[in-house]
N, C-alpha and C. Protein backbone atom coordinates (compact mmCIF):
# COMPACT_ATOMS: atom_id res chain seq x y z
N MET A 1 46.26 -36.53 -38.51
CA MET A 1 46.83 -37.49 -39.52
C MET A 1 46.74 -38.82 -39.36
N VAL A 2 47.12 -39.51 -38.07
CA VAL A 2 47.02 -40.86 -37.97
C VAL A 2 45.31 -41.12 -37.78
N GLN A 3 44.57 -40.27 -37.23
CA GLN A 3 43.31 -40.74 -37.17
C GLN A 3 42.53 -40.66 -38.48
N ASP A 4 43.12 -39.72 -39.36
CA ASP A 4 42.18 -39.51 -40.57
C ASP A 4 42.75 -40.81 -41.45
N ARG A 5 43.97 -41.17 -41.61
CA ARG A 5 44.37 -42.55 -42.09
C ARG A 5 43.47 -43.77 -41.38
N TYR A 6 43.52 -43.94 -40.32
CA TYR A 6 42.54 -44.95 -39.67
C TYR A 6 41.19 -44.67 -39.97
N ALA A 7 40.78 -43.67 -39.97
CA ALA A 7 39.25 -43.55 -40.47
C ALA A 7 38.91 -43.86 -41.94
N GLN A 8 40.00 -43.42 -42.62
CA GLN A 8 39.85 -43.81 -44.30
C GLN A 8 40.23 -45.53 -44.44
N SER A 9 41.00 -46.01 -43.57
CA SER A 9 41.09 -47.31 -43.58
C SER A 9 39.86 -48.11 -43.20
N LEU A 10 39.13 -47.70 -42.05
CA LEU A 10 38.14 -48.50 -41.76
C LEU A 10 37.01 -48.27 -42.54
N GLU A 11 36.74 -47.01 -43.07
CA GLU A 11 35.84 -46.79 -44.18
C GLU A 11 36.01 -47.70 -45.39
N THR A 12 37.09 -47.91 -45.84
CA THR A 12 37.56 -48.83 -47.10
C THR A 12 37.22 -50.36 -46.57
N VAL A 13 37.43 -50.68 -45.48
CA VAL A 13 37.03 -52.05 -45.06
C VAL A 13 35.67 -52.39 -45.03
N LEU A 14 35.01 -51.29 -44.35
CA LEU A 14 33.50 -51.42 -44.26
C LEU A 14 32.76 -51.47 -45.61
N ASN A 15 33.49 -50.75 -46.48
CA ASN A 15 32.74 -50.75 -47.79
C ASN A 15 33.02 -51.92 -48.67
N HIS A 16 34.13 -52.68 -48.27
CA HIS A 16 34.42 -53.87 -48.96
C HIS A 16 34.41 -55.18 -47.80
N ARG A 17 33.27 -55.32 -47.19
CA ARG A 17 33.13 -56.25 -46.04
C ARG A 17 33.62 -57.67 -46.48
N ARG A 18 32.99 -58.04 -47.66
CA ARG A 18 33.21 -59.39 -48.10
C ARG A 18 34.57 -59.92 -48.54
N ILE A 19 35.30 -58.87 -49.10
CA ILE A 19 36.73 -59.07 -49.28
C ILE A 19 37.43 -58.84 -47.91
N ALA A 20 37.12 -58.22 -47.11
CA ALA A 20 37.93 -58.09 -45.71
C ALA A 20 37.66 -59.29 -44.82
N LEU A 21 36.60 -59.91 -45.01
CA LEU A 21 36.19 -61.18 -44.29
C LEU A 21 36.85 -62.09 -45.12
N ILE A 22 36.97 -62.38 -46.27
CA ILE A 22 38.01 -63.37 -47.06
C ILE A 22 39.41 -63.37 -46.58
N ALA A 23 39.82 -61.97 -46.88
CA ALA A 23 41.35 -61.74 -46.47
C ALA A 23 41.68 -62.31 -44.90
N SER A 24 40.66 -61.76 -44.12
CA SER A 24 40.99 -62.35 -42.58
C SER A 24 40.82 -63.94 -42.40
N ALA A 25 39.89 -64.33 -42.99
CA ALA A 25 39.73 -65.87 -42.73
C ALA A 25 41.09 -66.68 -43.56
N ALA A 26 41.50 -66.13 -44.73
CA ALA A 26 42.83 -66.60 -45.34
C ALA A 26 44.19 -66.37 -44.54
N ILE A 27 44.21 -65.18 -43.84
CA ILE A 27 45.25 -64.87 -42.82
C ILE A 27 45.17 -65.90 -41.68
N MET A 28 43.89 -65.99 -41.07
CA MET A 28 43.82 -66.99 -39.93
C MET A 28 44.18 -68.30 -40.34
N ALA A 29 43.74 -69.00 -41.60
CA ALA A 29 43.93 -70.20 -41.87
C ALA A 29 45.29 -70.49 -42.16
N THR A 30 46.25 -69.64 -42.81
CA THR A 30 47.58 -69.88 -42.96
C THR A 30 48.34 -69.67 -41.75
N SER A 31 47.91 -68.93 -40.59
CA SER A 31 48.69 -68.82 -39.42
C SER A 31 48.42 -70.34 -38.46
N CYS A 32 47.39 -71.02 -39.01
CA CYS A 32 46.99 -72.40 -38.17
C CYS A 32 47.80 -73.49 -38.96
N TYR A 33 48.46 -73.21 -39.95
CA TYR A 33 49.18 -74.40 -40.83
C TYR A 33 50.61 -74.40 -40.10
N PRO A 34 50.86 -75.65 -39.91
CA PRO A 34 51.98 -75.99 -38.94
C PRO A 34 53.33 -75.48 -39.57
N PRO A 35 54.05 -74.58 -38.76
CA PRO A 35 55.32 -74.12 -39.14
C PRO A 35 56.23 -75.22 -39.56
N ALA A 36 56.24 -76.24 -39.08
CA ALA A 36 57.12 -77.45 -39.95
C ALA A 36 56.84 -77.64 -41.35
N LEU A 37 55.66 -77.48 -41.70
CA LEU A 37 55.43 -77.84 -43.15
C LEU A 37 55.61 -76.58 -43.94
N ARG A 38 55.50 -75.48 -43.36
CA ARG A 38 56.04 -74.10 -44.02
C ARG A 38 57.27 -73.92 -44.31
N TRP A 39 58.23 -74.30 -43.21
CA TRP A 39 59.56 -74.42 -43.21
C TRP A 39 60.23 -75.54 -42.99
N PRO A 40 60.38 -76.40 -43.90
CA PRO A 40 61.13 -77.66 -43.66
C PRO A 40 62.29 -77.59 -42.81
N GLY A 41 63.01 -76.73 -42.85
CA GLY A 41 64.39 -76.77 -42.16
C GLY A 41 64.15 -76.21 -40.69
N LEU A 42 62.98 -75.82 -40.45
CA LEU A 42 62.74 -75.37 -38.98
C LEU A 42 63.16 -76.35 -37.92
N LEU A 43 62.41 -77.46 -37.95
CA LEU A 43 62.69 -78.64 -37.06
C LEU A 43 63.19 -79.61 -37.71
N PRO A 44 64.14 -80.22 -36.64
CA PRO A 44 65.11 -81.37 -37.45
C PRO A 44 64.34 -82.65 -37.61
N SER A 45 64.68 -83.23 -38.75
CA SER A 45 63.86 -84.54 -39.00
C SER A 45 64.71 -85.65 -38.63
N VAL A 46 65.15 -85.44 -37.33
CA VAL A 46 66.14 -86.62 -36.78
C VAL A 46 65.30 -87.21 -35.56
N ASP A 47 65.36 -88.35 -35.51
CA ASP A 47 64.75 -89.22 -34.38
C ASP A 47 65.48 -88.86 -33.06
N ALA A 48 64.79 -88.88 -32.06
CA ALA A 48 65.32 -88.39 -30.67
C ALA A 48 66.62 -89.27 -30.17
N GLY A 49 66.54 -90.52 -30.62
CA GLY A 49 67.84 -91.22 -30.28
C GLY A 49 68.95 -91.42 -31.19
N GLN A 50 68.89 -90.55 -32.25
CA GLN A 50 69.51 -90.65 -33.26
C GLN A 50 70.68 -89.36 -33.31
N ILE A 51 71.83 -89.58 -33.70
CA ILE A 51 72.78 -88.29 -33.93
C ILE A 51 73.17 -88.28 -35.29
N ARG A 52 73.00 -87.03 -35.93
CA ARG A 52 73.59 -86.93 -37.26
C ARG A 52 74.71 -85.98 -37.10
N LEU A 53 75.74 -86.53 -37.84
CA LEU A 53 76.93 -85.74 -37.90
C LEU A 53 77.39 -85.33 -39.39
N HIS A 54 77.80 -84.27 -39.53
CA HIS A 54 78.56 -83.56 -40.66
C HIS A 54 79.82 -83.66 -40.57
N VAL A 55 80.47 -84.35 -41.27
CA VAL A 55 82.02 -84.51 -41.52
C VAL A 55 82.49 -83.84 -42.79
N ARG A 56 83.38 -83.11 -42.65
CA ARG A 56 84.05 -82.59 -43.95
C ARG A 56 85.65 -82.78 -44.02
N ALA A 57 86.17 -83.22 -44.83
CA ALA A 57 87.68 -83.23 -45.19
C ALA A 57 88.12 -81.98 -45.60
N GLN A 58 89.28 -81.66 -45.43
CA GLN A 58 89.91 -80.51 -46.13
C GLN A 58 89.79 -80.66 -47.67
N PRO A 59 89.55 -79.60 -48.35
CA PRO A 59 89.56 -79.71 -49.85
C PRO A 59 90.83 -80.21 -50.25
N GLY A 60 90.80 -81.11 -51.41
CA GLY A 60 92.03 -81.48 -51.96
C GLY A 60 92.20 -82.74 -51.35
N THR A 61 91.49 -83.22 -50.29
CA THR A 61 91.88 -84.75 -49.73
C THR A 61 91.44 -85.69 -50.70
N ARG A 62 92.28 -86.73 -50.73
CA ARG A 62 92.11 -87.97 -51.76
C ARG A 62 90.98 -88.69 -51.24
N ILE A 63 90.45 -89.23 -52.15
CA ILE A 63 89.01 -90.10 -51.86
C ILE A 63 89.55 -91.49 -50.94
N GLU A 64 90.62 -91.77 -51.08
CA GLU A 64 91.15 -93.00 -50.35
C GLU A 64 90.96 -92.47 -48.83
N THR A 65 91.74 -91.35 -48.74
CA THR A 65 92.01 -90.82 -47.25
C THR A 65 90.47 -90.29 -46.53
N THR A 66 89.67 -89.74 -47.47
CA THR A 66 88.43 -89.57 -47.05
C THR A 66 87.72 -90.83 -46.59
N LYS A 67 87.70 -91.88 -47.14
CA LYS A 67 87.20 -93.19 -46.87
C LYS A 67 87.61 -93.58 -45.71
N VAL A 68 88.96 -93.47 -45.35
CA VAL A 68 89.49 -93.78 -44.15
C VAL A 68 89.03 -92.86 -42.94
N LEU A 69 88.86 -91.68 -43.18
CA LEU A 69 88.27 -90.67 -42.29
C LEU A 69 86.87 -91.02 -41.82
N PHE A 70 86.11 -91.40 -42.79
CA PHE A 70 84.72 -91.53 -42.53
C PHE A 70 84.66 -93.02 -41.79
N SER A 71 85.35 -93.94 -42.24
CA SER A 71 85.20 -95.26 -41.54
C SER A 71 85.90 -95.19 -39.96
N GLN A 72 86.58 -94.22 -39.69
CA GLN A 72 86.91 -94.04 -38.29
C GLN A 72 85.95 -93.36 -37.68
N VAL A 73 85.13 -92.32 -38.06
CA VAL A 73 84.12 -91.73 -37.52
C VAL A 73 82.87 -92.69 -37.22
N GLU A 74 82.82 -93.73 -38.20
CA GLU A 74 81.61 -94.56 -38.17
C GLU A 74 82.14 -95.55 -36.99
N GLY A 75 83.21 -96.05 -36.91
CA GLY A 75 83.76 -96.96 -35.90
C GLY A 75 83.73 -96.36 -34.65
N ALA A 76 84.12 -95.06 -34.47
CA ALA A 76 84.02 -94.24 -33.18
C ALA A 76 82.62 -94.16 -32.80
N ASP A 77 81.77 -94.00 -33.81
CA ASP A 77 80.23 -93.69 -33.23
C ASP A 77 79.68 -95.11 -32.67
N SER A 78 79.88 -96.21 -33.29
CA SER A 78 79.56 -97.54 -32.89
C SER A 78 80.15 -97.77 -31.24
N GLN A 79 81.30 -97.37 -31.11
CA GLN A 79 81.82 -97.34 -29.69
C GLN A 79 81.40 -96.53 -28.61
N GLY A 80 80.83 -95.37 -29.24
CA GLY A 80 80.21 -94.25 -28.33
C GLY A 80 81.35 -93.29 -28.12
N HIS A 81 82.52 -93.22 -28.65
CA HIS A 81 83.41 -92.19 -28.38
C HIS A 81 84.15 -91.75 -29.87
N PHE A 82 84.66 -90.57 -29.87
CA PHE A 82 85.09 -90.09 -31.30
C PHE A 82 86.72 -89.84 -30.82
N PRO A 83 87.29 -90.09 -31.99
CA PRO A 83 88.87 -89.68 -31.85
C PRO A 83 88.86 -88.06 -32.23
N ARG A 84 90.04 -87.78 -31.76
CA ARG A 84 90.27 -86.18 -31.88
C ARG A 84 90.74 -85.84 -33.25
N MET A 85 90.10 -84.96 -33.99
CA MET A 85 90.56 -84.72 -35.47
C MET A 85 90.72 -83.28 -35.36
N ASN A 86 91.58 -82.92 -36.45
CA ASN A 86 91.90 -81.58 -36.74
C ASN A 86 90.68 -80.76 -37.24
N SER A 87 90.43 -79.62 -36.63
CA SER A 87 89.32 -79.06 -37.08
C SER A 87 89.88 -77.79 -38.19
N THR A 88 88.84 -77.64 -39.19
CA THR A 88 89.30 -76.86 -40.15
C THR A 88 88.73 -75.35 -40.27
C-alpha cells in the first residue's frame, strides 16, 4: 500500500520534472529567507543595552493618575531601581 503510493508519487514527479524542479527550488529559496523577515515578532527589535517595559494601569484609572504612574516608572528607570507596584 505505502510502496504503491510511493511508486505513483515518484512516477508523477518524474513525468513532470520541470514542475518538480521549480517547486523544489522555490521551497529551498523560501527556507533561506531570514526568519526575522518572515515573522517580525520572532526576534525583538530592542537594542542589547535597552530595556522595554510594558506598564498597564488598572481599567478605569484616571488620566492624571496614569501620568503620575508613568512618571514614577520613568524616574525609577533613570535611577536604576523600580518602586514596588501592585500587580493586576
